Structure formats: C-alpha cells, structure tokens
Amino acid sequence: MSDLQSLRQTRMEATLRLAPVVAVVVVQRLAQAVPLARALVAGGIPAVEVTLRTPVAIDAIRAIAAEVEGAVVGAGTVLTPQSLQASAEAGARFAVSPGHSPRLLDAADDLPLPYLPGATTASEAMHLLERGYRWQKFFPAVPAGGIDFVRALAAPLPSVGFCTTGGITAQAARQWLALPNVIAVGGSWLTPNDLVAAENWPAIAALAREAAELRT
C-alpha cells in the first residue's frame, strides 16, 4: 500500500469513527443544505454524506463545507471519475460509491480525497483489499445478505471493516453495529422526506441525537 493510500485510509477510518451513523442525505433544495447539516451536527452526527442524485448536490457540498462548523461533508453515489473530481473540488472530505469500477479506483489513486468504495461479495471485498481499501461500504446491506452475511465475512476477511448501508433502520442499527467488522452504518432515516420538506430541523436534530447514542 502506498503512503498516500495509507493516509487516505487513516482519514477514512477517522471519519467513520466520528459517530455510529453516517447521515445519508438527498438535498432537493440548495437552501435546505446548510440548516439540515447544522441540525445533524447539533445532534451529534458530523459525517454527512450528500448523495449526488440531484442537480444541487455539488453546490450543497460546497455550502456545507464552507458554512457548517463541525460538519465532515462527503459525496455519496459517486459513479464516475468526473463526479469524484468535482466532489473534491467542492470541498468534500470523503467520497462514497455503491460499488466500484477500475476507472473510479484509478481516479481515486490520483486524489488525496478519502474514498469508500462499495462491495457486496467476498470477491469484491478481496479485490478492494488488494487495492489498499481496508474500509469499504457494504451495499445494499439488507437485500445483499443482511447481518448474517456480513458476520460471516469477518472470519475470512478480518482486516476489512465495513460501513453498511441500504435498508438499515433505526431499530436494526444497533444489531449491525454489534458486528465486529462493522465500523458504522449509513442512515437515511435521520432525514425523512416529510421532516426535510417541513424544514423541521429540531426533529432532525432529535433523530441525530438518538443515532449518536447507538453505541453507548
């Protein structure tokens, strides 16, 4: 593993250890990005993954990076080298993909930005480990095999740690976090559409507080 990749992995681990949950958010309106991130940080969830699923996502990352003290903003649903580069230029402090591709991995090698690529099988996890990725995203966590499957990967792949995302609920999160190879979970339940649409930031902060206490 190169020195740069080792540094990226150290930084990725530090981000994943900030709280038990990485908030996975979809920003539909740019004006909501900053107050939404502030609510999550106030509740104890500093890692905010803004998914690149809307036209305002990159601008939302830029705004959060510039205006929200305590936020560690990242880009999610990164599918191309171009979106990886754009995320880095916008101020993202990490990037996440649902899977991985040779072009994305090559592009990530050329950037200092910590990158969390996705894996769903033992073979994919092994391939990423060969590329120096000790920290990986397991997605979609529930449909791809659930808790039993991820637990079974721990023995043959003891040096791989996962952030599991996809179908995880607030009620099930604690069970996932109890697995020895799960460092954090990704949670979209922290920002339900109705609360975001109503701009009910205190309610979102309350959900974040509950999530921050999952490991206590």
C-alpha atoms as a PDB file:
ATOM      1  CA  MET A   1       0.000   0.000   0.000  1.00  0.00           C
ATOM      2  CA  SER A   2       1.328   3.427  -0.921  1.00  0.00           C
ATOM      3  CA  ASP A   3       1.908   6.092   1.700  1.00  0.00           C
ATOM      4  CA  LEU A   4      -0.884   8.197   0.189  1.00  0.00           C
ATOM      5  CA  GLN A   5      -3.338   5.323   0.257  1.00  0.00           C
ATOM      6  CA  SER A   6      -2.395   4.573   3.850  1.00  0.00           C
ATOM      7  CA  LEU A   7      -3.067   8.203   4.747  1.00  0.00           C
ATOM      8  CA  ARG A   8      -6.407   8.156   2.921  1.00  0.00           C
ATOM      9  CA  GLN A   9      -7.444   5.022   4.785  1.00  0.00           C
ATOM     10  CA  THR A  10      -6.451   6.547   8.124  1.00  0.00           C
ATOM     11  CA  ARG A  11      -8.571   9.602   7.363  1.00  0.00           C
ATOM     12  CA  MET A  12     -11.479   7.447   6.207  1.00  0.00           C
ATOM     13  CA  GLU A  13     -11.355   5.483   9.440  1.00  0.00           C
ATOM     14  CA  ALA A  14     -11.296   8.686  11.482  1.00  0.00           C
ATOM     15  CA  THR A  15     -14.425   9.914   9.699  1.00  0.00           C
ATOM     16  CA  LEU A  16     -16.262   6.623  10.186  1.00  0.00           C
ATOM     17  CA  ARG A  17     -15.420   6.646  13.891  1.00  0.00           C
ATOM     18  CA  LEU A  18     -16.877  10.104  14.487  1.00  0.00           C
ATOM     19  CA  ALA A  19     -20.295   8.603  15.243  1.00  0.00           C
ATOM     20  CA  PRO A  20     -22.075   5.272  14.847  1.00  0.00           C
ATOM     21  CA  VAL A  21     -24.053   6.591  11.876  1.00  0.00           C
ATOM     22  CA  VAL A  22     -23.084   8.423   8.708  1.00  0.00           C
ATOM     23  CA  ALA A  23     -26.063  10.536   7.669  1.00  0.00           C
ATOM     24  CA  VAL A  24     -27.034   9.763   4.078  1.00  0.00           C
ATOM     25  CA  VAL A  25     -28.958  12.718   2.700  1.00  0.00           C
ATOM     26  CA  VAL A  26     -30.600  13.755  -0.556  1.00  0.00           C
ATOM     27  CA  VAL A  27     -30.702  17.531  -0.933  1.00  0.00           C
ATOM     28  CA  GLN A  28     -33.514  18.656  -3.217  1.00  0.00           C
ATOM     29  CA  ARG A  29     -33.303  22.387  -2.451  1.00  0.00           C
ATOM     30  CA  LEU A  30     -29.960  24.104  -2.004  1.00  0.00           C
ATOM     31  CA  ALA A  31     -31.359  26.453   0.657  1.00  0.00           C
ATOM     32  CA  GLN A  32     -32.003  23.451   2.896  1.00  0.00           C
ATOM     33  CA  ALA A  33     -28.459  22.061   2.784  1.00  0.00           C
ATOM     34  CA  VAL A  34     -26.863  24.216   5.469  1.00  0.00           C
ATOM     35  CA  PRO A  35     -29.672  24.102   8.083  1.00  0.00           C
ATOM     36  CA  LEU A  36     -30.045  20.362   7.506  1.00  0.00           C
ATOM     37  CA  ALA A  37     -26.344  19.757   8.105  1.00  0.00           C
ATOM     38  CA  ARG A  38     -26.371  22.036  11.147  1.00  0.00           C
ATOM     39  CA  ALA A  39     -29.224  20.020  12.646  1.00  0.00           C
ATOM     40  CA  LEU A  40     -27.322  16.762  12.149  1.00  0.00           C
ATOM     41  CA  VAL A  41     -24.132  18.174  13.671  1.00  0.00           C
ATOM     42  CA  ALA A  42     -26.080  19.609  16.613  1.00  0.00           C
ATOM     43  CA  GLY A  43     -27.464  16.141  17.257  1.00  0.00           C
ATOM     44  CA  GLY A  44     -24.004  14.544  17.273  1.00  0.00           C
ATOM     45  CA  ILE A  45     -23.760  13.241  13.692  1.00  0.00           C
ATOM     46  CA  PRO A  46     -20.948  15.184  11.996  1.00  0.00           C
ATOM     47  CA  ALA A  47     -20.370  12.912   8.976  1.00  0.00           C
ATOM     48  CA  VAL A  48     -22.872  13.980   6.321  1.00  0.00           C
ATOM     49  CA  GLU A  49     -22.907  12.117   3.013  1.00  0.00           C
ATOM     50  CA  VAL A  50     -24.664  14.209   0.362  1.00  0.00           C
ATOM     51  CA  THR A  51     -25.695  11.858  -2.418  1.00  0.00           C
ATOM     52  CA  LEU A  52     -25.068  13.030  -5.965  1.00  0.00           C
ATOM     53  CA  ARG A  53     -28.634  12.320  -7.022  1.00  0.00           C
ATOM     54  CA  THR A  54     -29.897  15.865  -7.517  1.00  0.00           C
ATOM     55  CA  PRO A  55     -28.730  18.834  -9.599  1.00  0.00           C
ATOM     56  CA  VAL A  56     -27.848  20.827  -6.470  1.00  0.00           C
ATOM     57  CA  ALA A  57     -25.765  18.147  -4.748  1.00  0.00           C
ATOM     58  CA  ILE A  58     -22.321  19.536  -5.589  1.00  0.00           C
ATOM     59  CA  ASP A  59     -23.389  23.044  -4.594  1.00  0.00           C
ATOM     60  CA  ALA A  60     -24.818  21.614  -1.369  1.00  0.00           C
ATOM     61  CA  ILE A  61     -21.476  20.010  -0.560  1.00  0.00           C
ATOM     62  CA  ARG A  62     -19.732  23.312  -1.256  1.00  0.00           C
ATOM     63  CA  ALA A  63     -22.134  25.225   1.004  1.00  0.00           C
ATOM     64  CA  ILE A  64     -21.893  22.758   3.887  1.00  0.00           C
ATOM     65  CA  ALA A  65     -18.102  22.661   3.667  1.00  0.00           C
ATOM     66  CA  ALA A  66     -17.948  26.443   3.819  1.00  0.00           C
ATOM     67  CA  GLU A  67     -20.669  27.238   6.333  1.00  0.00           C
ATOM     68  CA  VAL A  68     -21.287  24.377   8.768  1.00  0.00           C
ATOM     69  CA  GLU A  69     -18.788  24.253  11.591  1.00  0.00           C
ATOM     70  CA  GLY A  70     -18.141  20.726  12.778  1.00  0.00           C
ATOM     71  CA  ALA A  71     -19.522  19.031   9.677  1.00  0.00           C
ATOM     72  CA  VAL A  72     -17.453  16.476   7.804  1.00  0.00           C
ATOM     73  CA  VAL A  73     -19.223  16.550   4.483  1.00  0.00           C
ATOM     74  CA  GLY A  74     -18.830  13.835   1.893  1.00  0.00           C
ATOM     75  CA  ALA A  75     -20.171  12.924  -1.515  1.00  0.00           C
ATOM     76  CA  GLY A  76     -22.261   9.802  -1.978  1.00  0.00           C
ATOM     77  CA  THR A  77     -23.376   7.907  -5.072  1.00  0.00           C
ATOM     78  CA  VAL A  78     -20.106   8.773  -6.785  1.00  0.00           C
ATOM     79  CA  LEU A  79     -20.223   6.870 -10.079  1.00  0.00           C
ATOM     80  CA  THR A  80     -17.617   8.483 -12.336  1.00  0.00           C
ATOM     81  CA  PRO A  81     -14.117   9.926 -12.113  1.00  0.00           C
ATOM     82  CA  GLN A  82     -15.609  13.283 -13.089  1.00  0.00           C
ATOM     83  CA  SER A  83     -18.005  13.318 -10.132  1.00  0.00           C
ATOM     84  CA  LEU A  84     -15.175  12.235  -7.833  1.00  0.00           C
ATOM     85  CA  GLN A  85     -13.060  15.170  -9.009  1.00  0.00           C
ATOM     86  CA  ALA A  86     -15.991  17.585  -8.742  1.00  0.00           C
ATOM     87  CA  SER A  87     -16.692  16.427  -5.197  1.00  0.00           C
ATOM     88  CA  ALA A  88     -13.097  17.022  -4.177  1.00  0.00           C
ATOM     89  CA  GLU A  89     -13.116  20.490  -5.737  1.00  0.00           C
ATOM     90  CA  ALA A  90     -16.364  21.338  -3.906  1.00  0.00           C
ATOM     91  CA  GLY A  91     -14.768  20.630  -0.538  1.00  0.00           C
ATOM     92  CA  ALA A  92     -15.903  17.077   0.160  1.00  0.00           C
ATOM     93  CA  ARG A  93     -13.790  15.372   2.788  1.00  0.00           C
ATOM     94  CA  PHE A  94     -14.676  11.848   1.707  1.00  0.00           C
ATOM     95  CA  ALA A  95     -16.433  10.110  -1.175  1.00  0.00           C
ATOM     96  CA  VAL A  96     -18.615   7.012  -1.267  1.00  0.00           C
ATOM     97  CA  SER A  97     -19.761   4.723  -4.078  1.00  0.00           C
ATOM     98  CA  PRO A  98     -22.398   1.970  -4.131  1.00  0.00           C
ATOM     99  CA  GLY A  99     -19.857  -0.271  -5.862  1.00  0.00           C
ATOM    100  CA  HIS A 100     -16.576   0.278  -7.650  1.00  0.00           C
ATOM    101  CA  SER A 101     -15.032   0.203 -11.102  1.00  0.00           C
ATOM    102  CA  PRO A 102     -11.468   0.148 -12.422  1.00  0.00           C
ATOM    103  CA  ARG A 103     -11.796   3.737 -13.702  1.00  0.00           C
ATOM    104  CA  LEU A 104     -13.061   5.005 -10.355  1.00  0.00           C
ATOM    105  CA  LEU A 105     -10.338   3.230  -8.410  1.00  0.00           C
ATOM    106  CA  ASP A 106      -7.692   4.607 -10.761  1.00  0.00           C
ATOM    107  CA  ALA A 107      -9.113   8.115 -10.387  1.00  0.00           C
ATOM    108  CA  ALA A 108      -9.163   7.770  -6.601  1.00  0.00           C
ATOM    109  CA  ASP A 109      -5.480   6.828  -6.681  1.00  0.00           C
ATOM    110  CA  ASP A 110      -4.702  10.278  -8.084  1.00  0.00           C
ATOM    111  CA  LEU A 111      -6.586  12.262  -5.422  1.00  0.00           C
ATOM    112  CA  PRO A 112      -5.921  12.854  -1.712  1.00  0.00           C
ATOM    113  CA  LEU A 113      -9.671  12.513  -1.040  1.00  0.00           C
ATOM    114  CA  PRO A 114     -10.506   9.507   1.171  1.00  0.00           C
ATOM    115  CA  TYR A 115     -12.697   7.117  -0.807  1.00  0.00           C
ATOM    116  CA  LEU A 116     -15.100   4.424   0.430  1.00  0.00           C
ATOM    117  CA  PRO A 117     -15.857   2.029  -2.433  1.00  0.00           C
ATOM    118  CA  GLY A 118     -18.700  -0.446  -2.307  1.00  0.00           C
ATOM    119  CA  ALA A 119     -18.531  -4.240  -2.157  1.00  0.00           C
ATOM    120  CA  THR A 120     -21.258  -6.868  -1.977  1.00  0.00           C
ATOM    121  CA  THR A 121     -19.344 -10.153  -2.256  1.00  0.00           C
ATOM    122  CA  ALA A 122     -16.247 -11.689  -0.734  1.00  0.00           C
ATOM    123  CA  SER A 123     -14.527 -11.481  -4.123  1.00  0.00           C
ATOM    124  CA  GLU A 124     -15.239  -7.757  -4.411  1.00  0.00           C
ATOM    125  CA  ALA A 125     -14.005  -7.163  -0.882  1.00  0.00           C
ATOM    126  CA  MET A 126     -10.809  -9.097  -1.657  1.00  0.00           C
ATOM    127  CA  HIS A 127     -10.249  -7.083  -4.822  1.00  0.00           C
ATOM    128  CA  LEU A 128     -10.617  -3.816  -2.935  1.00  0.00           C
ATOM    129  CA  LEU A 129      -8.305  -5.057  -0.208  1.00  0.00           C
ATOM    130  CA  GLU A 130      -5.662  -5.750  -2.864  1.00  0.00           C
ATOM    131  CA  ARG A 131      -6.015  -2.100  -3.891  1.00  0.00           C
ATOM    132  CA  GLY A 132      -5.404  -1.000  -0.307  1.00  0.00           C
ATOM    133  CA  TYR A 133      -9.003  -0.487   0.826  1.00  0.00           C
ATOM    134  CA  ARG A 134      -9.280  -1.704   4.374  1.00  0.00           C
ATOM    135  CA  TRP A 135     -12.506   0.312   4.790  1.00  0.00           C
ATOM    136  CA  GLN A 136     -15.344  -0.483   2.433  1.00  0.00           C
ATOM    137  CA  LYS A 137     -19.047   0.151   2.020  1.00  0.00           C
ATOM    138  CA  PHE A 138     -21.293  -2.921   2.065  1.00  0.00           C
ATOM    139  CA  PHE A 139     -24.303  -2.110  -0.101  1.00  0.00           C
ATOM    140  CA  PRO A 140     -27.185  -2.804  -0.312  1.00  0.00           C
ATOM    141  CA  ALA A 141     -26.784  -4.217   3.169  1.00  0.00           C
ATOM    142  CA  VAL A 142     -30.168  -5.813   3.789  1.00  0.00           C
ATOM    143  CA  PRO A 143     -31.012  -7.106   0.277  1.00  0.00           C
ATOM    144  CA  ALA A 144     -27.436  -8.334  -0.282  1.00  0.00           C
ATOM    145  CA  GLY A 145     -27.474 -10.758   2.621  1.00  0.00           C
ATOM    146  CA  GLY A 146     -28.088  -8.870   5.811  1.00  0.00           C
ATOM    147  CA  ILE A 147     -26.480  -9.253   9.196  1.00  0.00           C
ATOM    148  CA  ASP A 148     -25.696 -12.954   8.895  1.00  0.00           C
ATOM    149  CA  PHE A 149     -23.848 -12.461   5.622  1.00  0.00           C
ATOM    150  CA  VAL A 150     -21.684  -9.603   6.890  1.00  0.00           C
ATOM    151  CA  ARG A 151     -20.958 -11.506  10.099  1.00  0.00           C
ATOM    152  CA  ALA A 152     -19.775 -14.462   8.003  1.00  0.00           C
ATOM    153  CA  LEU A 153     -17.248 -12.261   6.201  1.00  0.00           C
ATOM    154  CA  ALA A 154     -15.468 -11.365   9.436  1.00  0.00           C
ATOM    155  CA  ALA A 155     -13.561 -14.639   9.826  1.00  0.00           C
ATOM    156  CA  PRO A 156     -12.088 -14.962   6.312  1.00  0.00           C
ATOM    157  CA  LEU A 157     -11.593 -11.196   5.878  1.00  0.00           C
ATOM    158  CA  PRO A 158     -10.515  -9.985   9.331  1.00  0.00           C
ATOM    159  CA  SER A 159      -8.733  -6.914   8.002  1.00  0.00           C
ATOM    160  CA  VAL A 160     -11.788  -5.485   6.214  1.00  0.00           C
ATOM    161  CA  GLY A 161     -14.147  -3.141   8.018  1.00  0.00           C
ATOM    162  CA  PHE A 162     -17.488  -2.111   6.584  1.00  0.00           C
ATOM    163  CA  CYS A 163     -19.817   0.828   6.688  1.00  0.00           C
ATOM    164  CA  THR A 164     -23.072  -0.954   5.937  1.00  0.00           C
ATOM    165  CA  THR A 165     -25.776   0.946   4.078  1.00  0.00           C
ATOM    166  CA  GLY A 166     -29.041   0.108   2.399  1.00  0.00           C
ATOM    167  CA  GLY A 167     -32.266  -0.852   4.111  1.00  0.00           C
ATOM    168  CA  ILE A 168     -30.952  -0.358   7.655  1.00  0.00           C
ATOM    169  CA  THR A 169     -33.497   1.094  10.047  1.00  0.00           C
ATOM    170  CA  ALA A 170     -33.095   2.899  13.338  1.00  0.00           C
ATOM    171  CA  GLN A 171     -34.453  -0.184  15.072  1.00  0.00           C
ATOM    172  CA  ALA A 172     -31.938  -2.566  13.449  1.00  0.00           C
ATOM    173  CA  ALA A 173     -28.886  -0.296  13.513  1.00  0.00           C
ATOM    174  CA  ARG A 174     -27.678  -1.447  16.913  1.00  0.00           C
ATOM    175  CA  GLN A 175     -27.573  -5.080  15.727  1.00  0.00           C
ATOM    176  CA  TRP A 176     -25.438  -4.094  12.757  1.00  0.00           C
ATOM    177  CA  LEU A 177     -23.096  -2.054  14.915  1.00  0.00           C
ATOM    178  CA  ALA A 178     -22.562  -5.042  17.197  1.00  0.00           C
ATOM    179  CA  LEU A 179     -20.817  -6.933  14.386  1.00  0.00           C
ATOM    180  CA  PRO A 180     -17.016  -6.997  14.770  1.00  0.00           C
ATOM    181  CA  ASN A 181     -16.442  -5.922  11.163  1.00  0.00           C
ATOM    182  CA  VAL A 182     -18.910  -3.028  11.063  1.00  0.00           C
ATOM    183  CA  ILE A 183     -17.414   0.340  11.964  1.00  0.00           C
ATOM    184  CA  ALA A 184     -20.523   2.411  11.197  1.00  0.00           C
ATOM    185  CA  VAL A 185     -23.813   2.305   9.363  1.00  0.00           C
ATOM    186  CA  GLY A 186     -25.212   4.662   6.778  1.00  0.00           C
ATOM    187  CA  GLY A 187     -28.580   6.068   7.725  1.00  0.00           C
ATOM    188  CA  SER A 188     -31.134   7.833   5.572  1.00  0.00           C
ATOM    189  CA  TRP A 189     -33.705   7.583   8.369  1.00  0.00           C
ATOM    190  CA  LEU A 190     -32.162  10.653  10.011  1.00  0.00           C
ATOM    191  CA  THR A 191     -33.545  12.910   7.290  1.00  0.00           C
ATOM    192  CA  PRO A 192     -37.022  11.655   6.346  1.00  0.00           C
ATOM    193  CA  ASN A 193     -38.608  13.451   3.422  1.00  0.00           C
ATOM    194  CA  ASP A 194     -41.516  14.837   5.405  1.00  0.00           C
ATOM    195  CA  LEU A 195     -39.314  16.455   8.050  1.00  0.00           C
ATOM    196  CA  VAL A 196     -36.967  17.931   5.452  1.00  0.00           C
ATOM    197  CA  ALA A 197     -39.876  19.267   3.389  1.00  0.00           C
ATOM    198  CA  ALA A 198     -41.317  20.861   6.520  1.00  0.00           C
ATOM    199  CA  GLU A 199     -37.849  22.154   7.465  1.00  0.00           C
ATOM    200  CA  ASN A 200     -38.339  20.675  10.909  1.00  0.00           C
ATOM    201  CA  TRP A 201     -34.703  20.940  11.906  1.00  0.00           C
ATOM    202  CA  PRO A 202     -35.288  20.348  15.656  1.00  0.00           C
ATOM    203  CA  ALA A 203     -36.920  16.996  14.860  1.00  0.00           C
ATOM    204  CA  ILE A 204     -33.983  16.001  12.657  1.00  0.00           C
ATOM    205  CA  ALA A 205     -31.560  17.019  15.410  1.00  0.00           C
ATOM    206  CA  ALA A 206     -33.513  14.781  17.792  1.00  0.00           C
ATOM    207  CA  LEU A 207     -33.197  11.822  15.401  1.00  0.00           C
ATOM    208  CA  ALA A 208     -29.476  12.529  15.162  1.00  0.00           C
ATOM    209  CA  ARG A 209     -29.142  12.517  18.954  1.00  0.00           C
ATOM    210  CA  GLU A 210     -30.778   9.101  19.125  1.00  0.00           C
ATOM    211  CA  ALA A 211     -28.441   7.799  16.434  1.00  0.00           C
ATOM    212  CA  ALA A 212     -25.355   9.217  18.156  1.00  0.00           C
ATOM    213  CA  GLU A 213     -26.213   7.196  21.247  1.00  0.00           C
ATOM    214  CA  LEU A 214     -26.463   3.834  19.475  1.00  0.00           C
ATOM    215  CA  ARG A 215     -23.096   2.672  20.778  1.00  0.00           C
ATOM    216  CA  THR A 216     -23.468   3.990  24.339  1.00  0.00           C
END
